[in-house]
Amino acid sequence: MRSPRATLALLAGLFLFDILVNLPGFVPSSPVASLLVPSIDLLVIAAACMGIAQAGERARMPLRIALSVLALFLVACSAGLRFGLDAGARLFGGGAFPQVAAGWAVSFVLLAAAGAASFFLSGLLVGGLQQPISRSILLLVVCLAAVLQVVSGRRLFTASVIPRLIALVGSQAR
């Protein structure tokens, strides 16, 4: 009885986390592709959830909180790289203090919602990855998809935001 529920939680968690991670890259002209193509960032989150699922019961909550912070950082950085790091200030046109403050307040609320969503979704993933067979199957699917991407030359995974952040920090350090 536990296995079908855990499998459903795992699939729902992967699907919804994929949407959350890809939300800053949403393109209205191709909404399904822009939201559902898995990214390398999703693989990083899934790998972290695999590790959390194997941790002791007392360690899971702090690890899920840390993972939520990491996921929130990735989503915020992806949005910042796409819309500009001052997007909150420009959200309502910028200029006057009330418009800038309202823009930052809305941005903060959106980030808080993304953080809460990532914490909830990490619970789904960790719950779905409790069984060793689920972890093994997910690892097998990811490995097969990575090999297929290399062999076929087709992009099955979108690029991660992490290299772009490193390049941005490196260019600012010079």
Protein backbone atom coordinates (compact mmCIF):
# COMPACT_ATOMS: atom_id res chain seq x y z
CA MET A 1 0.00 0.00 0.00
CA ARG A 2 2.90 2.36 0.69
CA SER A 3 4.57 1.88 -2.68
CA PRO A 4 1.83 3.26 -5.02
CA ARG A 5 1.33 6.30 -2.79
CA ALA A 6 5.09 6.89 -2.63
CA THR A 7 5.41 6.50 -6.40
CA LEU A 8 2.61 8.98 -6.96
CA ALA A 9 4.26 11.42 -4.52
CA LEU A 10 7.58 11.02 -6.32
CA LEU A 11 6.07 11.66 -9.76
CA ALA A 12 4.00 14.61 -8.54
CA GLY A 13 7.00 16.07 -6.73
CA LEU A 14 9.23 15.79 -9.79
CA PHE A 15 6.58 17.26 -12.07
CA LEU A 16 5.76 20.19 -9.79
CA PHE A 17 9.39 20.89 -8.87
CA ASP A 18 10.19 20.96 -12.58
CA ILE A 19 7.51 23.59 -13.09
CA LEU A 20 8.78 25.61 -10.12
CA VAL A 21 12.39 25.55 -11.30
CA ASN A 22 11.42 26.40 -14.90
CA LEU A 23 8.88 29.11 -14.01
CA PRO A 24 11.35 32.03 -14.44
CA GLY A 25 12.02 30.80 -17.97
CA PHE A 26 8.35 30.67 -18.97
CA VAL A 27 7.82 31.60 -22.62
CA PRO A 28 4.21 32.34 -23.65
CA SER A 29 4.82 31.20 -27.23
CA SER A 30 5.78 27.69 -26.06
CA PRO A 31 4.36 27.29 -22.55
CA VAL A 32 4.51 23.50 -22.30
CA ALA A 33 8.09 23.19 -23.48
CA SER A 34 9.31 26.10 -21.38
CA LEU A 35 7.80 24.66 -18.20
CA LEU A 36 8.15 20.91 -18.62
CA VAL A 37 11.59 20.33 -20.14
CA PRO A 38 13.66 19.19 -17.16
CA SER A 39 16.73 21.18 -16.26
CA ILE A 40 20.02 20.19 -14.72
CA ASP A 41 18.89 22.16 -11.65
CA LEU A 42 16.01 19.69 -11.22
CA LEU A 43 18.51 16.84 -11.29
CA VAL A 44 20.55 18.55 -8.57
CA ILE A 45 17.41 18.92 -6.44
CA ALA A 46 16.39 15.29 -7.06
CA ALA A 47 19.88 14.10 -6.09
CA ALA A 48 19.71 16.13 -2.89
CA CYS A 49 16.31 14.61 -2.12
CA MET A 50 17.80 11.14 -2.62
CA GLY A 51 20.37 11.93 0.03
CA ILE A 52 17.76 13.43 2.37
CA ALA A 53 15.57 10.34 1.99
CA GLN A 54 18.42 8.22 3.28
CA ALA A 55 19.14 10.50 6.24
CA GLY A 56 17.85 9.87 9.72
CA GLU A 57 14.40 11.07 10.74
CA ARG A 58 15.74 13.97 12.86
CA ALA A 59 18.01 15.23 10.09
CA ARG A 60 15.37 15.33 7.37
CA MET A 61 13.62 18.54 8.41
CA PRO A 62 16.76 20.73 8.56
CA LEU A 63 17.99 19.19 5.31
CA ARG A 64 14.66 19.90 3.61
CA ILE A 65 14.84 23.50 4.82
CA ALA A 66 18.37 23.80 3.40
CA LEU A 67 17.21 22.28 0.11
CA SER A 68 14.30 24.73 -0.01
CA VAL A 69 16.74 27.61 0.44
CA LEU A 70 18.90 26.20 -2.38
CA ALA A 71 15.87 25.79 -4.68
CA LEU A 72 14.69 29.30 -3.82
CA PHE A 73 18.17 30.64 -4.59
CA LEU A 74 18.17 28.89 -7.98
CA VAL A 75 14.70 30.19 -8.86
CA ALA A 76 15.52 33.74 -7.69
CA CYS A 77 18.81 33.79 -9.58
CA SER A 78 17.19 32.43 -12.72
CA ALA A 79 14.52 35.13 -12.52
CA GLY A 80 17.16 37.75 -11.78
CA LEU A 81 19.25 36.72 -14.76
CA ARG A 82 16.22 36.81 -17.04
CA PHE A 83 14.45 39.95 -15.84
CA GLY A 84 17.33 41.80 -14.18
CA LEU A 85 18.38 41.83 -10.56
CA ASP A 86 16.40 45.03 -10.02
CA ALA A 87 13.16 43.56 -11.37
CA GLY A 88 11.36 44.19 -8.10
CA ALA A 89 12.09 47.90 -8.30
CA ARG A 90 10.84 48.03 -11.90
CA LEU A 91 7.78 45.81 -11.42
CA PHE A 92 5.31 48.71 -11.23
CA GLY A 93 7.26 51.12 -13.37
CA GLY A 94 9.81 52.22 -10.79
CA GLY A 95 10.43 55.89 -10.13
CA ALA A 96 8.41 56.89 -7.06
CA PHE A 97 9.07 55.26 -3.70
CA PRO A 98 5.58 53.68 -3.33
CA GLN A 99 5.90 51.97 -6.71
CA VAL A 100 9.38 50.65 -5.92
CA ALA A 101 8.35 49.51 -2.43
CA ALA A 102 5.24 47.79 -3.80
CA GLY A 103 7.34 46.05 -6.45
CA TRP A 104 9.81 44.75 -3.90
CA ALA A 105 6.96 43.67 -1.59
CA VAL A 106 5.31 41.69 -4.37
CA SER A 107 8.68 40.16 -5.28
CA PHE A 108 9.24 39.18 -1.65
CA VAL A 109 5.78 37.57 -1.43
CA LEU A 110 6.42 35.63 -4.65
CA LEU A 111 9.79 34.42 -3.34
CA ALA A 112 8.23 33.42 -0.02
CA ALA A 113 5.57 31.45 -1.89
CA ALA A 114 8.27 29.76 -3.98
CA GLY A 115 10.18 28.88 -0.80
CA ALA A 116 7.07 27.40 0.82
CA ALA A 117 6.27 25.49 -2.36
CA SER A 118 9.80 24.09 -2.55
CA PHE A 119 9.59 22.93 1.07
CA PHE A 120 6.28 21.19 0.39
CA LEU A 121 7.56 19.65 -2.85
CA SER A 122 10.74 18.43 -1.19
CA GLY A 123 8.50 16.53 1.22
CA LEU A 124 6.81 14.83 -1.72
CA LEU A 125 10.14 13.91 -3.29
CA VAL A 126 11.72 12.71 -0.06
CA GLY A 127 8.60 10.68 0.75
CA GLY A 128 8.65 9.15 -2.72
CA LEU A 129 12.35 8.32 -2.48
CA GLN A 130 12.14 6.50 0.86
CA GLN A 131 12.08 3.12 -0.85
CA PRO A 132 15.44 1.95 -2.24
CA ILE A 133 13.74 0.64 -5.39
CA SER A 134 12.33 4.12 -6.12
CA ARG A 135 15.76 5.70 -5.74
CA SER A 136 17.27 3.07 -8.01
CA ILE A 137 14.63 3.49 -10.70
CA LEU A 138 14.96 7.29 -10.65
CA LEU A 139 18.74 7.01 -10.89
CA LEU A 140 18.42 4.56 -13.79
CA VAL A 141 15.99 6.83 -15.67
CA VAL A 142 18.21 9.88 -15.18
CA CYS A 143 21.31 7.96 -16.30
CA LEU A 144 19.55 6.60 -19.38
CA ALA A 145 18.29 10.08 -20.26
CA ALA A 146 21.80 11.53 -19.87
CA VAL A 147 23.29 8.83 -22.09
CA LEU A 148 20.51 9.36 -24.64
CA GLN A 149 21.23 13.10 -24.65
CA VAL A 150 24.92 12.51 -25.32
CA VAL A 151 24.42 9.80 -27.94
CA SER A 152 21.59 11.46 -29.85
CA GLY A 153 22.85 15.02 -29.58
CA ARG A 154 19.35 16.19 -28.64
CA ARG A 155 18.83 18.37 -25.60
CA LEU A 156 16.73 16.46 -23.10
CA PHE A 157 17.78 18.68 -20.20
CA THR A 158 17.96 22.46 -20.23
CA ALA A 159 21.05 24.20 -18.95
CA SER A 160 21.54 24.99 -15.30
CA VAL A 161 21.56 28.51 -13.92
CA ILE A 162 24.70 27.76 -11.87
CA PRO A 163 27.29 28.20 -14.68
CA ARG A 164 25.71 31.52 -15.68
CA LEU A 165 25.95 32.70 -12.07
CA ILE A 166 29.58 31.66 -11.85
CA ALA A 167 30.36 33.46 -15.10
CA LEU A 168 28.59 36.58 -13.84
CA VAL A 169 30.48 36.54 -10.55
CA GLY A 170 33.75 35.88 -12.40
CA SER A 171 33.19 38.81 -14.75
CA GLN A 172 32.34 41.11 -11.84
CA ALA A 173 35.47 40.09 -9.93
CA ARG A 174 37.78 41.36 -12.70
